[in-house]
C-alpha atoms as a PDB file:
ATOM      1  CA  MET A   1      10.429 127.779 185.776  1.00  0.00           C
ATOM      2  CA  PHE A   2      10.966 128.074 189.500  1.00  0.00           C
ATOM      3  CA  GLY A   3      14.316 127.511 191.143  1.00  0.00           C
ATOM      4  CA  ASN A   4      15.741 127.962 194.619  1.00  0.00           C
ATOM      5  CA  ASN A   5      17.602 130.873 196.122  1.00  0.00           C
ATOM      6  CA  GLN A   6      21.110 129.668 196.558  1.00  0.00           C
ATOM      7  CA  THR A   7      23.130 131.395 199.222  1.00  0.00           C
ATOM      8  CA  LYS A   8      26.558 130.894 197.575  1.00  0.00           C
ATOM      9  CA  VAL A   9      27.340 132.927 194.543  1.00  0.00           C
ATOM     10  CA  GLN A  10      28.951 129.936 192.662  1.00  0.00           C
ATOM     11  CA  GLU A  11      25.808 127.935 193.275  1.00  0.00           C
ATOM     12  CA  ARG A  12      23.544 130.720 192.177  1.00  0.00           C
ATOM     13  CA  ASN A  13      25.052 130.757 188.764  1.00  0.00           C
ATOM     14  CA  LYS A  14      25.031 126.948 188.500  1.00  0.00           C
ATOM     15  CA  GLU A  15      21.357 126.973 189.167  1.00  0.00           C
ATOM     16  CA  LYS A  16      20.577 129.329 186.352  1.00  0.00           C
ATOM     17  CA  ILE A  17      22.411 127.379 183.572  1.00  0.00           C
ATOM     18  CA  PHE A  18      19.649 124.862 182.881  1.00  0.00           C
ATOM     19  CA  PRO A  19      16.850 127.576 182.497  1.00  0.00           C
ATOM     20  CA  SER A  20      19.071 129.776 180.359  1.00  0.00           C
ATOM     21  CA  LEU A  21      19.863 126.810 178.125  1.00  0.00           C
ATOM     22  CA  PHE A  22      16.103 126.170 177.832  1.00  0.00           C
ATOM     23  CA  ALA A  23      15.499 129.728 176.893  1.00  0.00           C
ATOM     24  CA  GLU A  24      18.240 129.641 174.208  1.00  0.00           C
ATOM     25  CA  ASN A  25      16.684 126.634 172.492  1.00  0.00           C
ATOM     26  CA  LEU A  26      12.973 127.478 172.825  1.00  0.00           C
ATOM     27  CA  ASP A  27      11.590 130.797 171.784  1.00  0.00           C
ATOM     28  CA  MET A  28       8.435 129.891 173.709  1.00  0.00           C
ATOM     29  CA  PHE A  29      10.315 129.909 177.074  1.00  0.00           C
ATOM     30  CA  SER A  30      11.222 133.141 178.906  1.00  0.00           C
ATOM     31  CA  PHE A  31      14.248 133.267 181.167  1.00  0.00           C
ATOM     32  CA  ASP A  32      13.105 136.605 182.454  1.00  0.00           C
ATOM     33  CA  GLU A  33       9.937 134.997 183.887  1.00  0.00           C
ATOM     34  CA  CYS A  34      11.838 132.468 185.908  1.00  0.00           C
ATOM     35  CA  CYS A  35      11.760 132.950 189.593  1.00  0.00           C
ATOM     36  CA  PHE A  36      14.709 131.909 191.875  1.00  0.00           C
ATOM     37  CA  ALA A  37      13.163 132.654 195.299  1.00  0.00           C
ATOM     38  CA  VAL A  38      11.882 130.415 198.032  1.00  0.00           C
ATOM     39  CA  GLN A  39       8.434 131.608 199.143  1.00  0.00           C
ATOM     40  CA  LYS A  40       7.194 130.655 202.678  1.00  0.00           C
ATOM     41  CA  SER A  41       4.053 129.093 201.238  1.00  0.00           C
ATOM     42  CA  ARG A  42       6.108 126.822 198.858  1.00  0.00           C
ATOM     43  CA  GLU A  43       8.603 125.370 201.525  1.00  0.00           C
ATOM     44  CA  SER A  44       6.851 121.981 201.531  1.00  0.00           C
ATOM     45  CA  THR A  45       7.192 121.483 197.690  1.00  0.00           C
ATOM     46  CA  ALA A  46       9.410 118.653 196.407  1.00  0.00           C
ATOM     47  CA  ARG A  47      11.709 121.147 194.737  1.00  0.00           C
ATOM     48  CA  ILE A  48      12.591 122.866 197.979  1.00  0.00           C
ATOM     49  CA  VAL A  49      12.685 119.852 200.111  1.00  0.00           C
ATOM     50  CA  MET A  50      15.143 118.078 197.730  1.00  0.00           C
ATOM     51  CA  TRP A  51      17.226 121.235 197.591  1.00  0.00           C
ATOM     52  CA  ARG A  52      17.401 121.489 201.367  1.00  0.00           C
ATOM     53  CA  GLU A  53      17.696 117.869 202.351  1.00  0.00           C
ATOM     54  CA  PHE A  54      20.077 116.641 199.619  1.00  0.00           C
ATOM     55  CA  ASN A  55      21.747 119.887 198.429  1.00  0.00           C
ATOM     56  CA  LEU A  56      20.471 119.414 194.943  1.00  0.00           C
ATOM     57  CA  VAL A  57      21.475 122.574 193.129  1.00  0.00           C
ATOM     58  CA  ASN A  58      19.388 121.847 190.023  1.00  0.00           C
ATOM     59  CA  SER A  59      15.919 121.279 191.486  1.00  0.00           C
ATOM     60  CA  PHE A  60      13.183 123.014 189.520  1.00  0.00           C
ATOM     61  CA  THR A  61       9.393 123.330 189.097  1.00  0.00           C
ATOM     62  CA  LEU A  62       8.337 123.841 185.496  1.00  0.00           C
ATOM     63  CA  GLU A  63       4.904 125.271 184.973  1.00  0.00           C
ATOM     64  CA  ILE A  64       3.166 124.913 181.684  1.00  0.00           C
ATOM     65  CA  SER A  65      -0.198 126.048 180.197  1.00  0.00           C
ATOM     66  CA  PHE A  66      -2.775 123.916 178.390  1.00  0.00           C
ATOM     67  CA  MET A  67      -3.776 127.181 176.594  1.00  0.00           C
ATOM     68  CA  GLY A  68      -0.416 127.280 174.849  1.00  0.00           C
ATOM     69  CA  PRO A  69       2.463 129.788 175.052  1.00  0.00           C
ATOM     70  CA  ASN A  70       2.020 133.516 174.909  1.00  0.00           C
ATOM     71  CA  LYS A  71       5.502 134.081 173.519  1.00  0.00           C
ATOM     72  CA  GLY A  72       7.364 132.807 170.446  1.00  0.00           C
ATOM     73  CA  GLN A  73       6.022 130.865 167.419  1.00  0.00           C
ATOM     74  CA  PHE A  74       4.023 127.681 167.944  1.00  0.00           C
END
């Protein structure tokens, strides 16, 4: 899961709640593999545009694989 790089410490913690809850409830999901950084090449993605224009703290991109998970039991 990809998130945004919040500048305020309070917002940074709020942004990580949803991915951490996801990781607690699914053994196939890894919080450690989440990325909370804004790359220059990704600045035009909906996640980043919504975060910047509307100050949406919880704006994410969730990537999945058709090949299945490489972690947990499935």
